[in-house]
N, C-alpha and C. Protein backbone atom coordinates (compact mmCIF):
# COMPACT_ATOMS: atom_id res chain seq x y z
N UNK A 1 -17.27 4.46 -14.47
CA UNK A 1 -16.22 5.21 -13.48
C UNK A 1 -16.02 5.35 -11.98
N UNK A 2 -16.86 4.42 -11.46
CA UNK A 2 -16.57 3.97 -9.99
C UNK A 2 -15.43 3.49 -9.98
N UNK A 3 -15.02 2.59 -11.49
CA UNK A 3 -14.03 1.41 -11.31
C UNK A 3 -12.36 2.36 -11.77
N UNK A 4 -12.61 3.45 -12.30
CA UNK A 4 -11.51 4.36 -13.37
C UNK A 4 -11.54 5.08 -11.99
N UNK A 5 -11.64 5.14 -10.33
CA UNK A 5 -11.58 6.42 -9.44
C UNK A 5 -10.79 5.14 -8.58
N UNK A 6 -11.29 4.18 -8.36
CA UNK A 6 -10.48 3.02 -8.45
C UNK A 6 -9.65 2.91 -8.05
N UNK A 7 -9.18 3.22 -9.91
CA UNK A 7 -7.86 2.18 -9.97
C UNK A 7 -7.06 3.90 -10.14
N UNK A 8 -6.96 4.79 -10.18
CA UNK A 8 -6.87 6.05 -9.83
C UNK A 8 -6.20 6.30 -8.82
N UNK A 9 -7.24 5.96 -7.87
CA UNK A 9 -7.10 6.36 -6.04
C UNK A 9 -6.48 5.58 -5.79
N UNK A 10 -5.71 4.28 -6.42
CA UNK A 10 -4.86 3.13 -6.25
C UNK A 10 -3.60 3.51 -6.19
N UNK A 11 -3.82 4.11 -7.99
CA UNK A 11 -2.47 4.87 -8.12
C UNK A 11 -1.36 5.06 -7.46
N UNK A 12 -2.54 6.62 -6.65
CA UNK A 12 -2.18 7.63 -6.38
C UNK A 12 -1.37 7.02 -4.82
N UNK A 13 -1.85 6.37 -3.99
CA UNK A 13 -1.41 5.50 -3.09
C UNK A 13 -0.21 4.52 -3.18
N UNK A 14 -0.38 3.53 -4.76
CA UNK A 14 0.82 3.00 -4.61
C UNK A 14 2.25 3.82 -5.03
N UNK A 15 1.78 4.93 -5.37
CA UNK A 15 2.83 6.27 -5.67
C UNK A 15 3.43 6.30 -4.53
N UNK A 16 2.55 7.30 -3.53
CA UNK A 16 3.14 7.43 -1.88
C UNK A 16 3.61 6.15 -1.25
N UNK A 17 3.31 5.02 -1.68
CA UNK A 17 3.51 4.13 -0.75
C UNK A 17 5.17 3.94 -1.09
N UNK A 18 5.45 3.93 -2.93
CA UNK A 18 6.76 3.67 -2.80
C UNK A 18 7.84 4.85 -2.38
N UNK A 19 6.70 6.10 -2.10
CA UNK A 19 7.84 7.15 -2.12
C UNK A 19 8.38 7.24 -0.46
N UNK A 20 7.50 6.74 0.52
CA UNK A 20 8.14 6.57 1.20
C UNK A 20 9.46 5.57 1.46
N UNK A 21 10.10 4.83 0.69
CA UNK A 21 11.19 4.19 0.26
C UNK A 21 12.27 4.90 -0.42
N UNK A 22 12.18 6.87 -0.81
CA UNK A 22 12.95 6.36 -0.97
C UNK A 22 14.12 6.91 0.12
N UNK A 23 15.25 7.35 -0.70
CA UNK A 23 15.91 8.10 0.63
C UNK A 23 15.94 8.80 0.51
N UNK A 24 16.52 10.02 2.08
CA UNK A 24 16.18 11.46 2.20
C UNK A 24 17.44 11.70 1.26
N UNK A 25 17.27 12.68 1.05
CA UNK A 25 18.67 13.48 -0.45
C UNK A 25 20.11 13.69 1.05
N UNK A 26 19.53 14.10 1.95
CA UNK A 26 20.96 14.57 2.89
C UNK A 26 21.84 13.12 2.28
N UNK A 27 21.49 12.21 2.84
CA UNK A 27 22.29 10.67 2.50
C UNK A 27 22.69 10.14 1.59
N UNK A 28 21.95 11.28 0.46
CA UNK A 28 22.96 11.07 -1.52
C UNK A 28 23.72 11.67 -1.52
N UNK A 29 24.42 12.77 -0.73
CA UNK A 29 25.20 13.63 -0.43
C UNK A 29 26.52 13.19 -1.66
N UNK A 30 26.57 12.32 -1.86
CA UNK A 30 28.16 11.74 -2.27
C UNK A 30 28.18 12.54 -4.56
N UNK A 31 26.48 12.99 -4.67
CA UNK A 31 26.93 13.90 -5.76
C UNK A 31 25.71 14.89 -5.69
N UNK A 32 26.69 16.24 -5.78
CA UNK A 32 25.41 17.00 -5.99
C UNK A 32 24.49 16.96 -7.13
N UNK A 33 25.01 16.42 -8.25
CA UNK A 33 23.84 16.64 -9.65
C UNK A 33 23.14 15.25 -8.85
N UNK A 34 23.06 14.10 -9.01
CA UNK A 34 22.30 13.61 -8.32
C UNK A 34 21.03 13.92 -7.13
N UNK A 35 21.33 14.63 -6.43
CA UNK A 35 20.81 14.99 -5.05
C UNK A 35 19.76 16.21 -6.20
N UNK A 36 20.17 16.81 -6.89
CA UNK A 36 19.27 17.91 -7.90
C UNK A 36 18.79 16.68 -8.43
N UNK A 37 18.18 15.73 -9.47
CA UNK A 37 17.42 14.88 -9.57
C UNK A 37 16.76 14.17 -8.77
N UNK A 38 17.19 13.76 -7.52
CA UNK A 38 16.33 13.43 -6.73
C UNK A 38 15.42 13.66 -6.45
N UNK A 39 15.56 15.24 -5.89
CA UNK A 39 15.09 16.09 -5.87
C UNK A 39 13.72 16.29 -6.68
N UNK A 40 14.12 16.71 -7.77
CA UNK A 40 13.37 16.75 -8.46
C UNK A 40 12.22 15.96 -9.02
N UNK A 41 13.01 14.54 -9.28
CA UNK A 41 11.86 13.40 -9.47
C UNK A 41 10.78 13.65 -8.24
N UNK A 42 10.94 13.59 -6.84
CA UNK A 42 10.19 14.36 -5.53
C UNK A 42 9.11 14.98 -6.08
N UNK A 43 9.54 15.99 -6.57
CA UNK A 43 8.84 17.15 -6.71
C UNK A 43 7.28 16.66 -7.91
N UNK A 44 7.87 15.94 -8.73
CA UNK A 44 7.23 15.44 -10.11
C UNK A 44 6.43 14.46 -9.50
N UNK A 45 6.74 13.07 -8.58
CA UNK A 45 6.04 12.50 -7.81
C UNK A 45 4.74 13.39 -6.95
N UNK A 46 4.79 14.21 -6.39
CA UNK A 46 3.96 15.26 -5.68
C UNK A 46 3.15 15.47 -6.43
N UNK A 47 3.50 16.61 -7.88
CA UNK A 47 2.58 16.48 -8.63
C UNK A 47 2.09 16.38 -9.42
N UNK A 48 2.42 14.00 -9.54
CA UNK A 48 1.38 13.56 -10.18
C UNK A 48 0.41 13.39 -8.83
N UNK A 49 1.16 12.77 -8.60
CA UNK A 49 -0.11 12.66 -6.98
C UNK A 49 -1.25 13.24 -6.59
N UNK A 50 -0.89 14.34 -6.71
CA UNK A 50 -1.60 15.73 -6.83
C UNK A 50 -2.76 15.67 -7.82
N UNK A 51 -2.43 15.58 -9.05
CA UNK A 51 -3.52 15.33 -10.53
C UNK A 51 -4.06 13.78 -9.90
N UNK A 52 -3.62 12.97 -9.56
CA UNK A 52 -4.38 11.50 -9.71
C UNK A 52 -5.31 12.06 -8.68
N UNK A 53 -5.05 11.84 -7.66
CA UNK A 53 -6.08 12.62 -6.50
C UNK A 53 -6.96 13.39 -7.27
N UNK A 54 -7.25 14.67 -7.80
CA UNK A 54 -7.83 15.26 -8.08
C UNK A 54 -8.95 14.58 -9.35
N UNK A 55 -8.64 14.37 -10.30
CA UNK A 55 -8.93 12.82 -10.68
C UNK A 55 -9.96 11.98 -10.26
N UNK A 56 -9.54 11.80 -9.08
CA UNK A 56 -9.79 10.63 -8.48
C UNK A 56 -11.37 11.17 -8.04
N UNK A 57 -11.16 12.21 -7.30
CA UNK A 57 -12.37 12.91 -6.93
C UNK A 57 -13.36 13.24 -8.45
N UNK A 58 -12.92 13.76 -9.09
CA UNK A 58 -13.41 13.81 -10.31
C UNK A 58 -14.38 12.92 -10.94
N UNK A 59 -14.02 11.26 -10.72
CA UNK A 59 -14.67 11.02 -11.49
C UNK A 59 -15.70 10.32 -10.07
N UNK A 60 -15.19 10.17 -9.40
CA UNK A 60 -15.77 9.65 -7.95
C UNK A 60 -17.69 10.68 -8.30
N UNK A 61 -17.65 12.31 -8.48
CA UNK A 61 -18.03 13.21 -8.44
C UNK A 61 -19.15 12.48 -10.13
N UNK A 62 -17.91 12.29 -10.78
CA UNK A 62 -18.89 11.92 -12.10
C UNK A 62 -19.96 10.88 -11.67
N UNK A 63 -19.53 9.43 -11.42
CA UNK A 63 -20.12 8.22 -11.00
C UNK A 63 -21.80 8.63 -10.12
N UNK A 64 -21.70 9.99 -9.09
CA UNK A 64 -22.38 9.93 -8.86
C UNK A 64 -23.58 10.81 -9.65
N UNK A 65 -22.85 11.51 -10.45
CA UNK A 65 -24.11 12.00 -10.98
C UNK A 65 -24.42 10.74 -12.09
N UNK A 66 -23.48 10.27 -12.56
CA UNK A 66 -24.50 9.44 -13.34
C UNK A 66 -25.45 8.43 -12.61
N UNK A 67 -25.40 8.32 -11.23
CA UNK A 67 -25.67 7.41 -10.43
C UNK A 67 -27.54 7.71 -10.61
N UNK A 68 -27.08 9.45 -9.81
CA UNK A 68 -28.23 9.81 -10.08
C UNK A 68 -29.57 9.85 -10.43
N UNK A 69 -29.81 10.11 -11.39
CA UNK A 69 -30.97 9.54 -12.56
C UNK A 69 -31.57 8.27 -12.34
N UNK A 70 -30.53 7.29 -11.77
CA UNK A 70 -30.85 5.70 -11.86
C UNK A 70 -31.47 5.75 -10.60
N UNK A 71 -31.60 6.36 -9.95
CA UNK A 71 -31.52 6.31 -7.65
C UNK A 71 -33.36 7.24 -7.92
N UNK A 72 -33.48 7.90 -9.39
CA UNK A 72 -34.19 8.97 -9.03
C UNK A 72 -35.81 8.29 -9.80
N UNK A 73 -35.30 7.39 -10.48
CA UNK A 73 -36.36 6.00 -11.64
C UNK A 73 -37.08 5.75 -10.65
């Protein structure tokens, strides 16, 4: 589970890093439809990264819960 949490955390980090390189919507004002699609993609990416962060936290909690009995023995 620790490996799963690491992969999920890395995926969220990578997505957020790539998001830094997206052009701002004001710079794209060539076409309103493009602006709408870019903003929609930004919102979707935000949603995905939020879910990845939640799943990362849950995976870490599960890993800690699985390790707890081993530490008690």
